Amino acid sequence: MNRIFYLASCDTCRKIIKMLPENDLVFQDIRQEPITPAQLDEMRNLAGSYEALFSRKAQLYKSKGLKDQNLAEADYRNLILEHYTFLSRPVFIIDSKIYIGNSPKNVAEVIKALS
């Protein structure tokens, strides 16, 4: 099942969603429907690490002083499960391939995968 994990209140996510061709994506607003541990573990298996899914741009990253800590994979997992802002958004899973974040290159790859 193809899925997008996004934040409905995120302007960047909304802009990317408007750019997508017609698709069969299941939309999961991670604020309304939090990521489950099983979903996060599936993302990690596709991405190779929890760190690859982690957003250092989250305000909580700075306010909790996490940039000064040495975080392990288990820490990244726990933080993402603890608060949705730690997930680098949006995350697409399309045909068992994962696309993380909002870089222009990534968005172009998602559009190509959905076309």
PDB file of N, CA and C in Angstrom:
ATOM      1  N   MET A   1       0.840  -1.177   0.000  1.00  0.00           N
ATOM      2  CA  MET A   1       0.000   0.000   0.000  1.00  0.00           C
ATOM      3  C   MET A   1       0.890   1.248   0.000  1.00  0.00           C
ATOM      4  N   ASN A   2       0.660   2.124  -0.943  1.00  0.00           N
ATOM      5  CA  ASN A   2       1.424   3.362  -1.043  1.00  0.00           C
ATOM      6  C   ASN A   2       0.864   4.375  -0.048  1.00  0.00           C
ATOM      7  N   ARG A   3       1.771   5.057   0.643  1.00  0.00           N
ATOM      8  CA  ARG A   3       1.347   5.919   1.742  1.00  0.00           C
ATOM      9  C   ARG A   3       2.227   7.172   1.814  1.00  0.00           C
ATOM     10  N   ILE A   4       1.619   8.247   2.304  1.00  0.00           N
ATOM     11  CA  ILE A   4       2.368   9.462   2.615  1.00  0.00           C
ATOM     12  C   ILE A   4       2.121   9.788   4.086  1.00  0.00           C
ATOM     13  N   PHE A   5       3.208  10.026   4.788  1.00  0.00           N
ATOM     14  CA  PHE A   5       3.156  10.489   6.171  1.00  0.00           C
ATOM     15  C   PHE A   5       3.477  11.983   6.102  1.00  0.00           C
ATOM     16  N   TYR A   6       2.556  12.797   6.542  1.00  0.00           N
ATOM     17  CA  TYR A   6       2.711  14.240   6.389  1.00  0.00           C
ATOM     18  C   TYR A   6       2.048  14.950   7.559  1.00  0.00           C
ATOM     19  N   LEU A   7       2.168  16.267   7.550  1.00  0.00           N
ATOM     20  CA  LEU A   7       1.525  17.107   8.548  1.00  0.00           C
ATOM     21  C   LEU A   7       0.606  18.062   7.807  1.00  0.00           C
ATOM     22  N   ALA A   8      -0.692  17.980   8.070  1.00  0.00           N
ATOM     23  CA  ALA A   8      -1.674  18.791   7.345  1.00  0.00           C
ATOM     24  C   ALA A   8      -1.444  20.286   7.553  1.00  0.00           C
ATOM     25  N   SER A   9      -0.857  20.662   8.679  1.00  0.00           N
ATOM     26  CA  SER A   9      -0.625  22.074   8.964  1.00  0.00           C
ATOM     27  C   SER A   9       0.685  22.591   8.373  1.00  0.00           C
ATOM     28  N   CYS A  10       1.444  21.734   7.722  1.00  0.00           N
ATOM     29  CA  CYS A  10       2.747  22.110   7.156  1.00  0.00           C
ATOM     30  C   CYS A  10       2.557  22.656   5.735  1.00  0.00           C
ATOM     31  N   ASP A  11       2.916  23.917   5.537  1.00  0.00           N
ATOM     32  CA  ASP A  11       2.782  24.548   4.220  1.00  0.00           C
ATOM     33  C   ASP A  11       3.566  23.788   3.146  1.00  0.00           C
ATOM     34  N   THR A  12       4.759  23.342   3.480  1.00  0.00           N
ATOM     35  CA  THR A  12       5.587  22.627   2.514  1.00  0.00           C
ATOM     36  C   THR A  12       4.927  21.315   2.110  1.00  0.00           C
ATOM     37  N   CYS A  13       4.395  20.585   3.088  1.00  0.00           N
ATOM     38  CA  CYS A  13       3.699  19.326   2.767  1.00  0.00           C
ATOM     39  C   CYS A  13       2.505  19.589   1.861  1.00  0.00           C
ATOM     40  N   ARG A  14       1.725  20.615   2.171  1.00  0.00           N
ATOM     41  CA  ARG A  14       0.542  20.930   1.353  1.00  0.00           C
ATOM     42  C   ARG A  14       0.950  21.294  -0.068  1.00  0.00           C
ATOM     43  N   LYS A  15       2.020  22.053  -0.206  1.00  0.00           N
ATOM     44  CA  LYS A  15       2.503  22.452  -1.534  1.00  0.00           C
ATOM     45  C   LYS A  15       2.930  21.222  -2.346  1.00  0.00           C
ATOM     46  N   ILE A  16       3.640  20.312  -1.703  1.00  0.00           N
ATOM     47  CA  ILE A  16       4.089  19.096  -2.392  1.00  0.00           C
ATOM     48  C   ILE A  16       2.893  18.245  -2.798  1.00  0.00           C
ATOM     49  N   ILE A  17       1.914  18.101  -1.916  1.00  0.00           N
ATOM     50  CA  ILE A  17       0.722  17.296  -2.215  1.00  0.00           C
ATOM     51  C   ILE A  17      -0.005  17.852  -3.435  1.00  0.00           C
ATOM     52  N   LYS A  18      -0.079  19.177  -3.562  1.00  0.00           N
ATOM     53  CA  LYS A  18      -0.738  19.792  -4.718  1.00  0.00           C
ATOM     54  C   LYS A  18       0.000  19.495  -6.020  1.00  0.00           C
ATOM     55  N   MET A  19       1.299  19.244  -5.944  1.00  0.00           N
ATOM     56  CA  MET A  19       2.108  18.980  -7.127  1.00  0.00           C
ATOM     57  C   MET A  19       1.982  17.538  -7.618  1.00  0.00           C
ATOM     58  N   LEU A  20       1.459  16.658  -6.782  1.00  0.00           N
ATOM     59  CA  LEU A  20       1.436  15.233  -7.120  1.00  0.00           C
ATOM     60  C   LEU A  20       0.424  14.929  -8.209  1.00  0.00           C
ATOM     61  N   PRO A  21       0.760  14.003  -9.098  1.00  0.00           N
ATOM     62  CA  PRO A  21      -0.227  13.554 -10.081  1.00  0.00           C
ATOM     63  C   PRO A  21      -1.296  12.728  -9.369  1.00  0.00           C
ATOM     64  N   GLU A  22      -2.382  12.449 -10.065  1.00  0.00           N
ATOM     65  CA  GLU A  22      -3.429  11.605  -9.479  1.00  0.00           C
ATOM     66  C   GLU A  22      -2.782  10.308  -9.002  1.00  0.00           C
ATOM     67  N   ASN A  23      -3.186   9.859  -7.814  1.00  0.00           N
ATOM     68  CA  ASN A  23      -2.495   8.717  -7.224  1.00  0.00           C
ATOM     69  C   ASN A  23      -3.422   7.929  -6.303  1.00  0.00           C
ATOM     70  N   ASP A  24      -2.887   6.821  -5.799  1.00  0.00           N
ATOM     71  CA  ASP A  24      -3.632   5.959  -4.885  1.00  0.00           C
ATOM     72  C   ASP A  24      -3.032   5.995  -3.472  1.00  0.00           C
ATOM     73  N   LEU A  25      -2.352   7.073  -3.146  1.00  0.00           N
ATOM     74  CA  LEU A  25      -1.705   7.184  -1.838  1.00  0.00           C
ATOM     75  C   LEU A  25      -2.730   7.187  -0.705  1.00  0.00           C
ATOM     76  N   VAL A  26      -2.362   6.536   0.380  1.00  0.00           N
ATOM     77  CA  VAL A  26      -3.116   6.641   1.621  1.00  0.00           C
ATOM     78  C   VAL A  26      -2.437   7.765   2.403  1.00  0.00           C
ATOM     79  N   PHE A  27      -3.223   8.773   2.772  1.00  0.00           N
ATOM     80  CA  PHE A  27      -2.683   9.944   3.473  1.00  0.00           C
ATOM     81  C   PHE A  27      -2.796   9.736   4.974  1.00  0.00           C
ATOM     82  N   GLN A  28      -1.674   9.920   5.669  1.00  0.00           N
ATOM     83  CA  GLN A  28      -1.680   9.805   7.128  1.00  0.00           C
ATOM     84  C   GLN A  28      -1.105  11.081   7.728  1.00  0.00           C
ATOM     85  N   ASP A  29      -2.017  11.901   8.277  1.00  0.00           N
ATOM     86  CA  ASP A  29      -1.602  13.120   8.977  1.00  0.00           C
ATOM     87  C   ASP A  29      -1.055  12.673  10.328  1.00  0.00           C
ATOM     88  N   ILE A  30       0.240  12.814  10.523  1.00  0.00           N
ATOM     89  CA  ILE A  30       0.893  12.236  11.703  1.00  0.00           C
ATOM     90  C   ILE A  30       0.523  12.939  13.009  1.00  0.00           C
ATOM     91  N   ARG A  31      -0.114  14.089  12.921  1.00  0.00           N
ATOM     92  CA  ARG A  31      -0.605  14.723  14.145  1.00  0.00           C
ATOM     93  C   ARG A  31      -1.921  14.064  14.574  1.00  0.00           C
ATOM     94  N   GLN A  32      -2.798  13.800  13.616  1.00  0.00           N
ATOM     95  CA  GLN A  32      -4.100  13.198  13.912  1.00  0.00           C
ATOM     96  C   GLN A  32      -4.017  11.683  14.112  1.00  0.00           C
ATOM     97  N   GLU A  33      -3.135  11.061  13.357  1.00  0.00           N
ATOM     98  CA  GLU A  33      -2.961   9.606  13.420  1.00  0.00           C
ATOM     99  C   GLU A  33      -1.466   9.313  13.586  1.00  0.00           C
ATOM    100  N   PRO A  34      -1.002   9.282  14.840  1.00  0.00           N
ATOM    101  CA  PRO A  34       0.435   9.116  15.088  1.00  0.00           C
ATOM    102  C   PRO A  34       1.017   7.864  14.435  1.00  0.00           C
ATOM    103  N   ILE A  35       2.294   7.956  14.131  1.00  0.00           N
ATOM    104  CA  ILE A  35       3.018   6.825  13.552  1.00  0.00           C
ATOM    105  C   ILE A  35       3.080   5.718  14.604  1.00  0.00           C
ATOM    106  N   THR A  36       2.816   4.508  14.179  1.00  0.00           N
ATOM    107  CA  THR A  36       2.910   3.372  15.099  1.00  0.00           C
ATOM    108  C   THR A  36       4.361   2.873  15.127  1.00  0.00           C
ATOM    109  N   PRO A  37       4.741   2.182  16.187  1.00  0.00           N
ATOM    110  CA  PRO A  37       6.088   1.599  16.203  1.00  0.00           C
ATOM    111  C   PRO A  37       6.337   0.689  14.998  1.00  0.00           C
ATOM    112  N   ALA A  38       5.322  -0.085  14.601  1.00  0.00           N
ATOM    113  CA  ALA A  38       5.488  -0.983  13.445  1.00  0.00           C
ATOM    114  C   ALA A  38       5.717  -0.188  12.158  1.00  0.00           C
ATOM    115  N   GLN A  39       4.984   0.925  11.983  1.00  0.00           N
ATOM    116  CA  GLN A  39       5.187   1.757  10.787  1.00  0.00           C
ATOM    117  C   GLN A  39       6.595   2.353  10.785  1.00  0.00           C
ATOM    118  N   LEU A  40       7.034   2.827  11.943  1.00  0.00           N
ATOM    119  CA  LEU A  40       8.370   3.420  12.026  1.00  0.00           C
ATOM    120  C   LEU A  40       9.438   2.367  11.749  1.00  0.00           C
ATOM    121  N   ASP A  41       9.248   1.169  12.258  1.00  0.00           N
ATOM    122  CA  ASP A  41      10.216   0.102  12.008  1.00  0.00           C
ATOM    123  C   ASP A  41      10.263  -0.261  10.518  1.00  0.00           C
ATOM    124  N   GLU A  42       9.093  -0.241   9.857  1.00  0.00           N
ATOM    125  CA  GLU A  42       9.059  -0.495   8.412  1.00  0.00           C
ATOM    126  C   GLU A  42       9.827   0.607   7.672  1.00  0.00           C
ATOM    127  N   MET A  43       9.609   1.866   8.076  1.00  0.00           N
ATOM    128  CA  MET A  43      10.341   2.977   7.449  1.00  0.00           C
ATOM    129  C   MET A  43      11.840   2.802   7.639  1.00  0.00           C
ATOM    130  N   ARG A  44      12.239   2.417   8.836  1.00  0.00           N
ATOM    131  CA  ARG A  44      13.661   2.226   9.132  1.00  0.00           C
ATOM    132  C   ARG A  44      14.252   1.122   8.255  1.00  0.00           C
ATOM    133  N   ASN A  45      13.498   0.036   8.072  1.00  0.00           N
ATOM    134  CA  ASN A  45      13.987  -1.053   7.226  1.00  0.00           C
ATOM    135  C   ASN A  45      14.198  -0.585   5.793  1.00  0.00           C
ATOM    136  N   LEU A  46      13.324   0.289   5.306  1.00  0.00           N
ATOM    137  CA  LEU A  46      13.457   0.811   3.946  1.00  0.00           C
ATOM    138  C   LEU A  46      14.548   1.876   3.851  1.00  0.00           C
ATOM    139  N   ALA A  47      14.686   2.697   4.898  1.00  0.00           N
ATOM    140  CA  ALA A  47      15.634   3.819   4.870  1.00  0.00           C
ATOM    141  C   ALA A  47      17.041   3.415   5.313  1.00  0.00           C
ATOM    142  N   GLY A  48      17.148   2.349   6.085  1.00  0.00           N
ATOM    143  CA  GLY A  48      18.467   1.908   6.547  1.00  0.00           C
ATOM    144  C   GLY A  48      18.798   2.342   7.960  1.00  0.00           C
ATOM    145  N   SER A  49      18.125   3.376   8.461  1.00  0.00           N
ATOM    146  CA  SER A  49      18.378   3.822   9.836  1.00  0.00           C
ATOM    147  C   SER A  49      17.252   4.737  10.299  1.00  0.00           C
ATOM    148  N   TYR A  50      17.124   4.862  11.605  1.00  0.00           N
ATOM    149  CA  TYR A  50      16.170   5.826  12.154  1.00  0.00           C
ATOM    150  C   TYR A  50      16.704   7.242  11.970  1.00  0.00           C
ATOM    151  N   GLU A  51      18.007   7.372  12.001  1.00  0.00           N
ATOM    152  CA  GLU A  51      18.618   8.694  11.831  1.00  0.00           C
ATOM    153  C   GLU A  51      18.239   9.303  10.482  1.00  0.00           C
ATOM    154  N   ALA A  52      18.114   8.475   9.448  1.00  0.00           N
ATOM    155  CA  ALA A  52      17.748   8.970   8.115  1.00  0.00           C
ATOM    156  C   ALA A  52      16.345   9.565   8.113  1.00  0.00           C
ATOM    157  N   LEU A  53      15.514   9.160   9.057  1.00  0.00           N
ATOM    158  CA  LEU A  53      14.136   9.648   9.160  1.00  0.00           C
ATOM    159  C   LEU A  53      14.002  10.848  10.090  1.00  0.00           C
ATOM    160  N   PHE A  54      15.071  11.171  10.790  1.00  0.00           N
ATOM    161  CA  PHE A  54      15.033  12.163  11.856  1.00  0.00           C
ATOM    162  C   PHE A  54      15.265  13.577  11.330  1.00  0.00           C
ATOM    163  N   SER A  55      14.459  14.514  11.807  1.00  0.00           N
ATOM    164  CA  SER A  55      14.598  15.915  11.404  1.00  0.00           C
ATOM    165  C   SER A  55      15.329  16.712  12.471  1.00  0.00           C
ATOM    166  N   ARG A  56      16.458  17.254  12.074  1.00  0.00           N
ATOM    167  CA  ARG A  56      17.203  18.135  12.979  1.00  0.00           C
ATOM    168  C   ARG A  56      16.690  19.579  12.902  1.00  0.00           C
ATOM    169  N   LYS A  57      15.693  19.805  12.047  1.00  0.00           N
ATOM    170  CA  LYS A  57      15.110  21.139  11.916  1.00  0.00           C
ATOM    171  C   LYS A  57      13.997  21.375  12.927  1.00  0.00           C
ATOM    172  N   ALA A  58      13.556  20.321  13.602  1.00  0.00           N
ATOM    173  CA  ALA A  58      12.472  20.447  14.578  1.00  0.00           C
ATOM    174  C   ALA A  58      12.879  21.395  15.698  1.00  0.00           C
ATOM    175  N   GLN A  59      11.965  22.262  16.085  1.00  0.00           N
ATOM    176  CA  GLN A  59      12.256  23.212  17.162  1.00  0.00           C
ATOM    177  C   GLN A  59      12.620  22.488  18.455  1.00  0.00           C
ATOM    178  N   LEU A  60      11.990  21.355  18.696  1.00  0.00           N
ATOM    179  CA  LEU A  60      12.296  20.590  19.911  1.00  0.00           C
ATOM    180  C   LEU A  60      13.736  20.080  19.917  1.00  0.00           C
ATOM    181  N   TYR A  61      14.309  19.887  18.746  1.00  0.00           N
ATOM    182  CA  TYR A  61      15.689  19.417  18.659  1.00  0.00           C
ATOM    183  C   TYR A  61      16.621  20.411  19.353  1.00  0.00           C
ATOM    184  N   LYS A  62      16.386  21.685  19.095  1.00  0.00           N
ATOM    185  CA  LYS A  62      17.215  22.718  19.718  1.00  0.00           C
ATOM    186  C   LYS A  62      16.816  22.952  21.168  1.00  0.00           C
ATOM    187  N   SER A  63      15.496  23.042  21.415  1.00  0.00           N
ATOM    188  CA  SER A  63      15.041  23.381  22.766  1.00  0.00           C
ATOM    189  C   SER A  63      15.371  22.289  23.787  1.00  0.00           C
ATOM    190  N   LYS A  64      15.473  21.040  23.350  1.00  0.00           N
ATOM    191  CA  LYS A  64      15.839  19.947  24.259  1.00  0.00           C
ATOM    192  C   LYS A  64      17.359  19.760  24.350  1.00  0.00           C
ATOM    193  N   GLY A  65      18.104  20.571  23.608  1.00  0.00           N
ATOM    194  CA  GLY A  65      19.556  20.462  23.633  1.00  0.00           C
ATOM    195  C   GLY A  65      20.081  19.176  23.014  1.00  0.00           C
ATOM    196  N   LEU A  66      19.340  18.620  22.085  1.00  0.00           N
ATOM    197  CA  LEU A  66      19.734  17.336  21.493  1.00  0.00           C
ATOM    198  C   LEU A  66      20.951  17.452  20.591  1.00  0.00           C
ATOM    199  N   LYS A  67      21.183  18.651  20.035  1.00  0.00           N
ATOM    200  CA  LYS A  67      22.337  18.801  19.144  1.00  0.00           C
ATOM    201  C   LYS A  67      23.659  18.621  19.891  1.00  0.00           C
ATOM    202  N   ASP A  68      23.616  18.767  21.202  1.00  0.00           N
ATOM    203  CA  ASP A  68      24.827  18.613  22.008  1.00  0.00           C
ATOM    204  C   ASP A  68      24.982  17.199  22.558  1.00  0.00           C
ATOM    205  N   GLN A  69      24.058  16.313  22.187  1.00  0.00           N
ATOM    206  CA  GLN A  69      24.105  14.938  22.681  1.00  0.00           C
ATOM    207  C   GLN A  69      24.526  13.989  21.578  1.00  0.00           C
ATOM    208  N   ASN A  70      25.085  12.875  21.993  1.00  0.00           N
ATOM    209  CA  ASN A  70      25.441  11.814  21.056  1.00  0.00           C
ATOM    210  C   ASN A  70      24.274  10.843  21.007  1.00  0.00           C
ATOM    211  N   LEU A  71      23.444  10.938  19.975  1.00  0.00           N
ATOM    212  CA  LEU A  71      22.243  10.118  19.899  1.00  0.00           C
ATOM    213  C   LEU A  71      22.517   8.792  19.196  1.00  0.00           C
ATOM    214  N   ALA A  72      21.936   7.734  19.747  1.00  0.00           N
ATOM    215  CA  ALA A  72      22.043   6.396  19.153  1.00  0.00           C
ATOM    216  C   ALA A  72      20.768   6.120  18.364  1.00  0.00           C
ATOM    217  N   GLU A  73      20.769   5.035  17.598  1.00  0.00           N
ATOM    218  CA  GLU A  73      19.591   4.662  16.803  1.00  0.00           C
ATOM    219  C   GLU A  73      18.340   4.549  17.672  1.00  0.00           C
ATOM    220  N   ALA A  74      18.476   3.956  18.848  1.00  0.00           N
ATOM    221  CA  ALA A  74      17.320   3.806  19.744  1.00  0.00           C
ATOM    222  C   ALA A  74      16.782   5.172  20.169  1.00  0.00           C
ATOM    223  N   ASP A  75      17.686   6.144  20.340  1.00  0.00           N
ATOM    224  CA  ASP A  75      17.255   7.498  20.704  1.00  0.00           C
ATOM    225  C   ASP A  75      16.441   8.127  19.578  1.00  0.00           C
ATOM    226  N   TYR A  76      16.923   7.997  18.343  1.00  0.00           N
ATOM    227  CA  TYR A  76      16.187   8.545  17.200  1.00  0.00           C
ATOM    228  C   TYR A  76      14.801   7.918  17.119  1.00  0.00           C
ATOM    229  N   ARG A  77      14.719   6.611  17.286  1.00  0.00           N
ATOM    230  CA  ARG A  77      13.429   5.911  17.227  1.00  0.00           C
ATOM    231  C   ARG A  77      12.489   6.447  18.307  1.00  0.00           C
ATOM    232  N   ASN A  78      12.981   6.496  19.533  1.00  0.00           N
ATOM    233  CA  ASN A  78      12.145   6.946  20.649  1.00  0.00           C
ATOM    234  C   ASN A  78      11.683   8.388  20.469  1.00  0.00           C
ATOM    235  N   LEU A  79      12.567   9.251  19.977  1.00  0.00           N
ATOM    236  CA  LEU A  79      12.198  10.657  19.785  1.00  0.00           C
ATOM    237  C   LEU A  79      11.124  10.807  18.709  1.00  0.00           C
ATOM    238  N   ILE A  80      11.258  10.077  17.612  1.00  0.00           N
ATOM    239  CA  ILE A  80      10.254  10.156  16.544  1.00  0.00           C
ATOM    240  C   ILE A  80       8.903   9.660  17.058  1.00  0.00           C
ATOM    241  N   LEU A  81       8.909   8.593  17.829  1.00  0.00           N
ATOM    242  CA  LEU A  81       7.661   8.073  18.378  1.00  0.00           C
ATOM    243  C   LEU A  81       7.081   9.007  19.447  1.00  0.00           C
ATOM    244  N   GLU A  82       7.963   9.707  20.145  1.00  0.00           N
ATOM    245  CA  GLU A  82       7.538  10.619  21.217  1.00  0.00           C
ATOM    246  C   GLU A  82       6.834  11.848  20.656  1.00  0.00           C
ATOM    247  N   HIS A  83       7.367  12.412  19.553  1.00  0.00           N
ATOM    248  CA  HIS A  83       6.769  13.633  19.008  1.00  0.00           C
ATOM    249  C   HIS A  83       6.917  13.662  17.490  1.00  0.00           C
ATOM    250  N   TYR A  84       5.800  13.882  16.818  1.00  0.00           N
ATOM    251  CA  TYR A  84       5.749  13.825  15.350  1.00  0.00           C
ATOM    252  C   TYR A  84       6.691  14.805  14.658  1.00  0.00           C
ATOM    253  N   THR A  85       7.058  15.905  15.307  1.00  0.00           N
ATOM    254  CA  THR A  85       7.912  16.887  14.624  1.00  0.00           C
ATOM    255  C   THR A  85       9.317  16.364  14.360  1.00  0.00           C
ATOM    256  N   PHE A  86       9.677  15.267  15.000  1.00  0.00           N
ATOM    257  CA  PHE A  86      11.013  14.715  14.765  1.00  0.00           C
ATOM    258  C   PHE A  86      11.104  13.901  13.480  1.00  0.00           C
ATOM    259  N   LEU A  87       9.977  13.644  12.828  1.00  0.00           N
ATOM    260  CA  LEU A  87      10.020  12.926  11.554  1.00  0.00           C
ATOM    261  C   LEU A  87      10.276  13.921  10.438  1.00  0.00           C
ATOM    262  N   SER A  88      11.270  13.634   9.631  1.00  0.00           N
ATOM    263  CA  SER A  88      11.555  14.465   8.466  1.00  0.00           C
ATOM    264  C   SER A  88      10.406  14.275   7.480  1.00  0.00           C
ATOM    265  N   ARG A  89       9.729  15.356   7.136  1.00  0.00           N
ATOM    266  CA  ARG A  89       8.493  15.238   6.350  1.00  0.00           C
ATOM    267  C   ARG A  89       8.621  15.869   4.972  1.00  0.00           C
ATOM    268  N   PRO A  90       7.746  15.403   4.074  1.00  0.00           N
ATOM    269  CA  PRO A  90       6.907  14.218   4.152  1.00  0.00           C
ATOM    270  C   PRO A  90       7.712  12.947   3.908  1.00  0.00           C
ATOM    271  N   VAL A  91       7.128  11.823   4.290  1.00  0.00           N
ATOM    272  CA  VAL A  91       7.721  10.518   3.986  1.00  0.00           C
ATOM    273  C   VAL A  91       6.727   9.789   3.095  1.00  0.00           C
ATOM    274  N   PHE A  92       7.216   9.345   1.943  1.00  0.00           N
ATOM    275  CA  PHE A  92       6.410   8.566   1.014  1.00  0.00           C
ATOM    276  C   PHE A  92       6.940   7.140   1.001  1.00  0.00           C
ATOM    277  N   ILE A  93       6.025   6.182   0.998  1.00  0.00           N
ATOM    278  CA  ILE A  93       6.385   4.798   0.717  1.00  0.00           C
ATOM    279  C   ILE A  93       5.582   4.410  -0.520  1.00  0.00           C
ATOM    280  N   ILE A  94       6.314   4.189  -1.607  1.00  0.00           N
ATOM    281  CA  ILE A  94       5.699   3.889  -2.905  1.00  0.00           C
ATOM    282  C   ILE A  94       6.358   2.636  -3.461  1.00  0.00           C
ATOM    283  N   ASP A  95       5.559   1.617  -3.657  1.00  0.00           N
ATOM    284  CA  ASP A  95       6.057   0.345  -4.201  1.00  0.00           C
ATOM    285  C   ASP A  95       7.291  -0.144  -3.437  1.00  0.00           C
ATOM    286  N   SER A  96       7.206  -0.145  -2.115  1.00  0.00           N
ATOM    287  CA  SER A  96       8.263  -0.628  -1.218  1.00  0.00           C
ATOM    288  C   SER A  96       9.561   0.168  -1.313  1.00  0.00           C
ATOM    289  N   LYS A  97       9.469   1.411  -1.767  1.00  0.00           N
ATOM    290  CA  LYS A  97      10.624   2.309  -1.791  1.00  0.00           C
ATOM    291  C   LYS A  97      10.256   3.539  -0.973  1.00  0.00           C
ATOM    292  N   ILE A  98      11.221   4.047  -0.219  1.00  0.00           N
ATOM    293  CA  ILE A  98      10.940   5.183   0.654  1.00  0.00           C
ATOM    294  C   ILE A  98      11.569   6.461   0.114  1.00  0.00           C
ATOM    295  N   TYR A  99      10.836   7.550   0.271  1.00  0.00           N
ATOM    296  CA  TYR A  99      11.289   8.881  -0.126  1.00  0.00           C
ATOM    297  C   TYR A  99      11.099   9.780   1.094  1.00  0.00           C
ATOM    298  N   ILE A 100      12.179  10.367   1.567  1.00  0.00           N
ATOM    299  CA  ILE A 100      12.146  11.119   2.830  1.00  0.00           C
ATOM    300  C   ILE A 100      12.484  12.583   2.582  1.00  0.00           C
ATOM    301  N   GLY A 101      11.606  13.456   3.054  1.00  0.00           N
ATOM    302  CA  GLY A 101      11.910  14.877   3.032  1.00  0.00           C
ATOM    303  C   GLY A 101      11.375  15.611   1.823  1.00  0.00           C
ATOM    304  N   ASN A 102      11.716  16.905   1.777  1.00  0.00           N
ATOM    305  CA  ASN A 102      11.107  17.794   0.788  1.00  0.00           C
ATOM    306  C   ASN A 102      12.096  18.414  -0.188  1.00  0.00           C
ATOM    307  N   SER A 103      13.253  17.793  -0.364  1.00  0.00           N
ATOM    308  CA  SER A 103      14.206  18.350  -1.330  1.00  0.00           C
ATOM    309  C   SER A 103      13.601  18.274  -2.729  1.00  0.00           C
ATOM    310  N   PRO A 104      13.935  19.234  -3.596  1.00  0.00           N
ATOM    311  CA  PRO A 104      13.404  19.207  -4.968  1.00  0.00           C
ATOM    312  C   PRO A 104      13.691  17.883  -5.684  1.00  0.00           C
ATOM    313  N   LYS A 105      14.867  17.319  -5.470  1.00  0.00           N
ATOM    314  CA  LYS A 105      15.234  16.045  -6.099  1.00  0.00           C
ATOM    315  C   LYS A 105      14.299  14.931  -5.611  1.00  0.00           C
ATOM    316  N   ASN A 106      14.054  14.912  -4.328  1.00  0.00           N
ATOM    317  CA  ASN A 106      13.187  13.891  -3.743  1.00  0.00           C
ATOM    318  C   ASN A 106      11.752  14.019  -4.262  1.00  0.00           C
ATOM    319  N   VAL A 107      11.252  15.256  -4.303  1.00  0.00           N
ATOM    320  CA  VAL A 107       9.889  15.496  -4.790  1.00  0.00           C
ATOM    321  C   VAL A 107       9.774  15.063  -6.264  1.00  0.00           C
ATOM    322  N   ALA A 108      10.788  15.359  -7.053  1.00  0.00           N
ATOM    323  CA  ALA A 108      10.782  14.952  -8.469  1.00  0.00           C
ATOM    324  C   ALA A 108      10.745  13.422  -8.585  1.00  0.00           C
ATOM    325  N   GLU A 109      11.480  12.725  -7.722  1.00  0.00           N
ATOM    326  CA  GLU A 109      11.482  11.262  -7.739  1.00  0.00           C
ATOM    327  C   GLU A 109      10.117  10.701  -7.360  1.00  0.00           C
ATOM    328  N   VAL A 110       9.459  11.333  -6.392  1.00  0.00           N
ATOM    329  CA  VAL A 110       8.119  10.906  -5.972  1.00  0.00           C
ATOM    330  C   VAL A 110       7.125  11.087  -7.124  1.00  0.00           C
ATOM    331  N   ILE A 111       7.178  12.242  -7.761  1.00  0.00           N
ATOM    332  CA  ILE A 111       6.264  12.517  -8.890  1.00  0.00           C
ATOM    333  C   ILE A 111       6.503  11.491  -9.999  1.00  0.00           C
ATOM    334  N   LYS A 112       7.745  11.194 -10.281  1.00  0.00           N
ATOM    335  CA  LYS A 112       8.060  10.188 -11.313  1.00  0.00           C
ATOM    336  C   LYS A 112       7.540   8.821 -10.914  1.00  0.00           C
ATOM    337  N   ALA A 113       7.690   8.455  -9.639  1.00  0.00           N
ATOM    338  CA  ALA A 113       7.230   7.150  -9.165  1.00  0.00           C
ATOM    339  C   ALA A 113       5.715   7.013  -9.228  1.00  0.00           C
ATOM    340  N   LEU A 114       5.014   8.133  -9.075  1.00  0.00           N
ATOM    341  CA  LEU A 114       3.554   8.116  -9.082  1.00  0.00           C
ATOM    342  C   LEU A 114       2.961   8.259 -10.481  1.00  0.00           C
ATOM    343  N   SER A 115       3.800   8.653 -11.439  1.00  0.00           N
ATOM    344  CA  SER A 115       3.288   8.888 -12.816  1.00  0.00           C
ATOM    345  C   SER A 115       3.135   7.599 -13.590  1.00  0.00           C
TER     346      SER A 115
END
